[in-house]
N, C-alpha and C. Protein backbone atom coordinates (compact mmCIF):
# COMPACT_ATOMS: atom_id res chain seq x y z
N MET A 1 -139.04 100.40 11.79
CA MET A 1 -138.79 99.80 10.50
C MET A 1 -139.42 100.66 9.41
N ASN A 2 -138.64 100.98 8.41
CA ASN A 2 -139.13 101.79 7.30
C ASN A 2 -139.69 100.89 6.20
N LYS A 3 -140.86 101.25 5.73
CA LYS A 3 -141.46 100.55 4.61
C LYS A 3 -141.38 101.45 3.39
N THR A 4 -140.84 100.92 2.32
CA THR A 4 -140.76 101.73 1.11
C THR A 4 -142.05 101.69 0.32
N HIS A 5 -142.83 100.66 0.54
CA HIS A 5 -144.14 100.57 -0.12
C HIS A 5 -145.08 99.78 0.77
N GLU A 6 -146.33 100.02 0.58
CA GLU A 6 -147.35 99.33 1.36
C GLU A 6 -147.61 97.96 0.76
N GLU A 7 -147.75 96.95 1.60
CA GLU A 7 -148.05 95.62 1.10
C GLU A 7 -149.47 95.57 0.55
N ALA A 8 -149.62 94.86 -0.56
CA ALA A 8 -150.95 94.69 -1.15
C ALA A 8 -151.77 93.75 -0.27
N PRO A 9 -153.07 93.96 -0.21
CA PRO A 9 -153.93 93.10 0.61
C PRO A 9 -154.27 91.78 -0.08
N PHE A 10 -153.60 91.49 -1.19
CA PHE A 10 -153.82 90.25 -1.94
C PHE A 10 -152.47 89.72 -2.41
N ARG A 11 -152.45 88.46 -2.82
CA ARG A 11 -151.21 87.90 -3.35
C ARG A 11 -151.09 88.22 -4.84
N ASP A 12 -149.90 88.56 -5.26
CA ASP A 12 -149.59 88.93 -6.63
C ASP A 12 -148.67 87.83 -7.17
N LEU A 13 -149.22 86.86 -7.90
CA LEU A 13 -148.45 85.68 -8.30
C LEU A 13 -148.26 85.60 -9.80
N LYS A 14 -147.14 85.00 -10.20
CA LYS A 14 -146.83 84.82 -11.62
C LYS A 14 -147.31 83.46 -12.09
N VAL A 15 -147.12 83.20 -13.38
CA VAL A 15 -147.74 82.07 -14.07
C VAL A 15 -147.48 80.71 -13.39
N ASP A 16 -146.25 80.41 -12.98
CA ASP A 16 -145.99 79.09 -12.39
C ASP A 16 -146.77 78.87 -11.10
N ASP A 17 -146.81 79.91 -10.25
CA ASP A 17 -147.54 79.78 -8.98
C ASP A 17 -149.06 79.73 -9.21
N VAL A 18 -149.54 80.50 -10.18
CA VAL A 18 -150.98 80.47 -10.49
C VAL A 18 -151.36 79.09 -11.03
N ARG A 19 -150.53 78.56 -11.89
CA ARG A 19 -150.82 77.22 -12.45
C ARG A 19 -150.88 76.17 -11.34
N LYS A 20 -149.98 76.24 -10.38
CA LYS A 20 -149.99 75.29 -9.25
C LYS A 20 -151.30 75.40 -8.46
N LEU A 21 -151.73 76.64 -8.19
CA LEU A 21 -152.99 76.84 -7.46
C LEU A 21 -154.17 76.25 -8.23
N ILE A 22 -154.19 76.49 -9.55
CA ILE A 22 -155.28 75.97 -10.38
C ILE A 22 -155.26 74.45 -10.38
N ASP A 23 -154.06 73.87 -10.50
CA ASP A 23 -153.94 72.41 -10.51
C ASP A 23 -154.38 71.79 -9.19
N GLU A 24 -154.20 72.50 -8.08
CA GLU A 24 -154.64 72.01 -6.77
C GLU A 24 -156.15 71.96 -6.68
N GLY A 25 -156.83 72.78 -7.47
CA GLY A 25 -158.30 72.79 -7.50
C GLY A 25 -158.90 73.67 -6.43
N GLY A 26 -160.22 73.87 -6.55
CA GLY A 26 -160.96 74.63 -5.56
C GLY A 26 -160.87 76.14 -5.71
N ARG A 27 -160.27 76.62 -6.78
CA ARG A 27 -160.13 78.06 -7.00
C ARG A 27 -161.06 78.51 -8.11
N GLU A 28 -161.68 79.66 -7.92
CA GLU A 28 -162.44 80.28 -8.99
C GLU A 28 -161.50 81.23 -9.72
N ILE A 29 -161.58 81.21 -11.06
CA ILE A 29 -160.79 82.13 -11.88
C ILE A 29 -161.77 83.12 -12.49
N VAL A 30 -161.51 84.41 -12.29
CA VAL A 30 -162.36 85.46 -12.84
C VAL A 30 -161.54 86.32 -13.78
N ASP A 31 -161.94 86.34 -15.04
CA ASP A 31 -161.29 87.14 -16.08
C ASP A 31 -162.04 88.45 -16.20
N VAL A 32 -161.33 89.56 -16.00
CA VAL A 32 -161.97 90.88 -15.96
C VAL A 32 -161.76 91.69 -17.24
N ARG A 33 -161.29 91.04 -18.30
CA ARG A 33 -161.05 91.75 -19.56
C ARG A 33 -162.36 92.07 -20.28
N GLU A 34 -162.25 92.89 -21.31
CA GLU A 34 -163.41 93.25 -22.13
C GLU A 34 -163.86 92.04 -22.95
N ASP A 35 -165.10 92.11 -23.44
CA ASP A 35 -165.68 91.00 -24.21
C ASP A 35 -164.81 90.58 -25.37
N TRP A 36 -164.30 91.54 -26.15
CA TRP A 36 -163.51 91.20 -27.32
C TRP A 36 -162.23 90.47 -26.94
N GLU A 37 -161.65 90.78 -25.78
CA GLU A 37 -160.44 90.09 -25.32
C GLU A 37 -160.78 88.67 -24.87
N TRP A 38 -161.86 88.56 -24.10
CA TRP A 38 -162.34 87.27 -23.62
C TRP A 38 -162.59 86.32 -24.80
N ASN A 39 -163.21 86.84 -25.85
CA ASN A 39 -163.56 86.02 -27.01
C ASN A 39 -162.34 85.52 -27.78
N LYS A 40 -161.19 86.16 -27.61
CA LYS A 40 -159.96 85.71 -28.28
C LYS A 40 -159.33 84.53 -27.56
N GLY A 41 -159.74 84.28 -26.33
CA GLY A 41 -159.22 83.15 -25.57
C GLY A 41 -159.00 83.52 -24.11
N HIS A 42 -159.33 82.57 -23.23
CA HIS A 42 -159.21 82.80 -21.79
C HIS A 42 -158.77 81.52 -21.10
N LEU A 43 -158.36 81.64 -19.85
CA LEU A 43 -157.93 80.47 -19.09
C LEU A 43 -159.08 79.48 -18.98
N PRO A 44 -158.78 78.19 -19.12
CA PRO A 44 -159.83 77.17 -19.02
C PRO A 44 -160.59 77.27 -17.69
N GLY A 45 -161.91 77.24 -17.80
CA GLY A 45 -162.76 77.26 -16.61
C GLY A 45 -163.00 78.62 -16.01
N ALA A 46 -162.46 79.67 -16.63
CA ALA A 46 -162.62 81.02 -16.08
C ALA A 46 -164.05 81.51 -16.25
N ARG A 47 -164.43 82.40 -15.33
CA ARG A 47 -165.72 83.09 -15.40
C ARG A 47 -165.43 84.52 -15.86
N HIS A 48 -166.28 85.07 -16.70
CA HIS A 48 -166.07 86.40 -17.25
C HIS A 48 -166.90 87.44 -16.51
N VAL A 49 -166.22 88.40 -15.88
CA VAL A 49 -166.87 89.54 -15.23
C VAL A 49 -166.04 90.77 -15.58
N VAL A 50 -166.54 91.59 -16.48
CA VAL A 50 -165.80 92.76 -16.95
C VAL A 50 -165.53 93.71 -15.77
N LEU A 51 -164.30 94.23 -15.71
CA LEU A 51 -163.90 95.09 -14.60
C LEU A 51 -164.87 96.25 -14.39
N SER A 52 -165.35 96.86 -15.47
CA SER A 52 -166.26 98.01 -15.32
C SER A 52 -167.52 97.63 -14.55
N SER A 53 -167.99 96.39 -14.68
CA SER A 53 -169.18 95.98 -13.94
C SER A 53 -168.87 95.79 -12.45
N ILE A 54 -167.65 95.40 -12.15
CA ILE A 54 -167.23 95.29 -10.74
C ILE A 54 -167.16 96.69 -10.12
N LEU A 55 -166.58 97.62 -10.87
CA LEU A 55 -166.41 98.98 -10.36
C LEU A 55 -167.74 99.72 -10.24
N SER A 56 -168.66 99.47 -11.18
CA SER A 56 -169.93 100.20 -11.14
C SER A 56 -170.93 99.60 -10.16
N ASN A 57 -170.78 98.33 -9.81
CA ASN A 57 -171.73 97.69 -8.90
C ASN A 57 -171.01 96.65 -8.04
N PRO A 58 -170.09 97.10 -7.19
CA PRO A 58 -169.30 96.14 -6.41
C PRO A 58 -170.15 95.25 -5.50
N SER A 59 -171.18 95.79 -4.89
CA SER A 59 -171.99 94.98 -3.97
C SER A 59 -172.86 93.97 -4.71
N GLY A 60 -172.99 94.12 -6.02
CA GLY A 60 -173.76 93.18 -6.81
C GLY A 60 -172.94 91.99 -7.28
N GLN A 61 -171.68 91.94 -6.89
CA GLN A 61 -170.79 90.85 -7.32
C GLN A 61 -170.60 89.85 -6.19
N THR A 62 -170.41 88.61 -6.58
CA THR A 62 -170.07 87.57 -5.60
C THR A 62 -168.83 86.83 -6.05
N PHE A 63 -167.85 86.80 -5.18
CA PHE A 63 -166.61 86.09 -5.45
C PHE A 63 -166.31 85.19 -4.27
N LYS A 64 -165.82 84.00 -4.57
CA LYS A 64 -165.47 83.03 -3.53
C LYS A 64 -164.12 83.39 -2.91
N ASP A 65 -163.92 83.00 -1.65
CA ASP A 65 -162.60 83.11 -1.06
C ASP A 65 -161.65 82.29 -1.92
N GLY A 66 -160.45 82.82 -2.14
CA GLY A 66 -159.46 82.12 -2.96
C GLY A 66 -159.54 82.41 -4.44
N THR A 67 -160.36 83.40 -4.83
CA THR A 67 -160.51 83.73 -6.25
C THR A 67 -159.20 84.23 -6.84
N ILE A 68 -158.93 83.80 -8.07
CA ILE A 68 -157.79 84.28 -8.86
C ILE A 68 -158.35 85.23 -9.91
N PHE A 69 -157.89 86.48 -9.90
CA PHE A 69 -158.32 87.45 -10.90
C PHE A 69 -157.27 87.55 -11.99
N VAL A 70 -157.72 87.59 -13.24
CA VAL A 70 -156.82 87.64 -14.39
C VAL A 70 -157.32 88.66 -15.41
N CYS A 71 -156.38 89.33 -16.06
CA CYS A 71 -156.70 90.20 -17.21
C CYS A 71 -155.65 89.89 -18.27
N GLN A 72 -155.24 90.87 -19.04
CA GLN A 72 -154.24 90.61 -20.08
C GLN A 72 -152.82 90.54 -19.51
N VAL A 73 -152.46 91.49 -18.63
CA VAL A 73 -151.10 91.50 -18.08
C VAL A 73 -151.03 91.63 -16.56
N GLY A 74 -152.16 91.88 -15.91
CA GLY A 74 -152.16 91.92 -14.45
C GLY A 74 -152.49 93.26 -13.81
N GLU A 75 -152.75 94.28 -14.62
CA GLU A 75 -153.07 95.59 -14.06
C GLU A 75 -154.55 95.71 -13.67
N ARG A 76 -155.44 95.41 -14.60
CA ARG A 76 -156.88 95.48 -14.30
C ARG A 76 -157.28 94.45 -13.26
N SER A 77 -156.64 93.29 -13.30
CA SER A 77 -156.95 92.25 -12.30
C SER A 77 -156.50 92.68 -10.91
N ALA A 78 -155.47 93.52 -10.83
CA ALA A 78 -155.04 94.05 -9.53
C ALA A 78 -156.13 94.95 -8.95
N VAL A 79 -156.75 95.75 -9.81
CA VAL A 79 -157.86 96.61 -9.36
C VAL A 79 -159.02 95.75 -8.89
N ALA A 80 -159.35 94.70 -9.65
CA ALA A 80 -160.43 93.79 -9.26
C ALA A 80 -160.09 93.09 -7.94
N SER A 81 -158.83 92.73 -7.76
CA SER A 81 -158.39 92.09 -6.52
C SER A 81 -158.60 93.01 -5.33
N GLU A 82 -158.25 94.29 -5.51
CA GLU A 82 -158.45 95.27 -4.44
C GLU A 82 -159.93 95.40 -4.09
N MET A 83 -160.78 95.43 -5.10
CA MET A 83 -162.23 95.54 -4.87
C MET A 83 -162.75 94.30 -4.12
N ALA A 84 -162.28 93.12 -4.52
CA ALA A 84 -162.73 91.89 -3.87
C ALA A 84 -162.34 91.89 -2.39
N VAL A 85 -161.12 92.30 -2.10
CA VAL A 85 -160.68 92.39 -0.70
C VAL A 85 -161.56 93.36 0.07
N ALA A 86 -161.89 94.50 -0.55
CA ALA A 86 -162.76 95.49 0.10
C ALA A 86 -164.14 94.92 0.36
N LEU A 87 -164.57 93.96 -0.46
CA LEU A 87 -165.86 93.31 -0.28
C LEU A 87 -165.81 92.16 0.73
N GLY A 88 -164.61 91.90 1.28
CA GLY A 88 -164.47 90.88 2.31
C GLY A 88 -164.02 89.51 1.82
N VAL A 89 -163.62 89.41 0.56
CA VAL A 89 -163.14 88.13 0.03
C VAL A 89 -161.75 87.86 0.59
N LYS A 90 -161.51 86.64 1.02
CA LYS A 90 -160.23 86.24 1.62
C LYS A 90 -159.36 85.51 0.60
N ASP A 91 -158.06 85.54 0.82
CA ASP A 91 -157.08 84.80 0.02
C ASP A 91 -157.21 85.11 -1.47
N VAL A 92 -157.29 86.39 -1.80
CA VAL A 92 -157.43 86.85 -3.18
C VAL A 92 -156.06 86.81 -3.87
N VAL A 93 -156.06 86.37 -5.14
CA VAL A 93 -154.83 86.28 -5.92
C VAL A 93 -154.98 87.09 -7.20
N ASN A 94 -154.00 87.95 -7.46
CA ASN A 94 -153.90 88.66 -8.73
C ASN A 94 -152.87 87.92 -9.57
N PHE A 95 -153.26 87.55 -10.80
CA PHE A 95 -152.35 86.86 -11.72
C PHE A 95 -151.49 87.91 -12.43
N ARG A 96 -150.29 88.12 -11.92
CA ARG A 96 -149.34 89.08 -12.50
C ARG A 96 -148.78 88.47 -13.79
N GLY A 97 -148.99 89.14 -14.89
CA GLY A 97 -148.57 88.62 -16.20
C GLY A 97 -149.77 88.19 -17.02
N GLY A 98 -150.83 87.77 -16.33
CA GLY A 98 -152.13 87.50 -16.93
C GLY A 98 -152.16 86.53 -18.10
N THR A 99 -153.16 86.73 -18.94
CA THR A 99 -153.40 85.85 -20.08
C THR A 99 -152.20 85.82 -21.02
N LYS A 100 -151.52 86.95 -21.15
CA LYS A 100 -150.34 86.99 -22.01
C LYS A 100 -149.27 86.02 -21.51
N ALA A 101 -148.98 86.04 -20.21
CA ALA A 101 -147.98 85.13 -19.64
C ALA A 101 -148.42 83.68 -19.77
N TRP A 102 -149.71 83.43 -19.59
CA TRP A 102 -150.25 82.07 -19.71
C TRP A 102 -150.02 81.55 -21.14
N LYS A 103 -150.39 82.38 -22.11
CA LYS A 103 -150.22 82.01 -23.52
C LYS A 103 -148.74 81.86 -23.87
N ASP A 104 -147.90 82.80 -23.42
CA ASP A 104 -146.46 82.75 -23.69
C ASP A 104 -145.81 81.50 -23.10
N ALA A 105 -146.38 80.97 -22.01
CA ALA A 105 -145.86 79.75 -21.39
C ALA A 105 -146.33 78.50 -22.12
N GLY A 106 -147.13 78.68 -23.18
CA GLY A 106 -147.61 77.55 -23.97
C GLY A 106 -148.77 76.81 -23.35
N LEU A 107 -149.45 77.47 -22.42
CA LEU A 107 -150.58 76.84 -21.74
C LEU A 107 -151.86 77.08 -22.54
N PRO A 108 -152.84 76.17 -22.41
CA PRO A 108 -154.02 76.24 -23.26
C PRO A 108 -154.99 77.36 -22.89
N LEU A 109 -155.64 77.88 -23.92
CA LEU A 109 -156.71 78.86 -23.76
C LEU A 109 -157.99 78.26 -24.31
N GLU A 110 -159.12 78.68 -23.75
CA GLU A 110 -160.44 78.29 -24.26
C GLU A 110 -161.03 79.48 -25.02
N THR A 111 -161.88 79.18 -25.95
CA THR A 111 -162.67 80.24 -26.60
C THR A 111 -164.13 79.90 -26.43
N PRO A 112 -164.99 80.93 -26.39
CA PRO A 112 -166.42 80.67 -26.18
C PRO A 112 -167.03 79.89 -27.33
């Protein structure tokens, strides 16, 4: 069997599926955007961990199994998702579309 691309070690989900997971409860949401982006608004209940801090000190981070990583559109959160999997976190989710898709869907954002 020929594979045209390698499967990601995490789930890459869009806004409707991410919202369902959040509504089910028990998921940690980690926003990896920069401080100025976080301060403009983030998903309710999210924890802020800037991607650069994950990359510079991966073993100093703790993420729960089932963590949903989010950024602005899903690129930086994909990198964070890969790092979390490398650290042994299970059932990692990358929010493809990110905060932009959440806002575009008319869903609420929190500000600090």
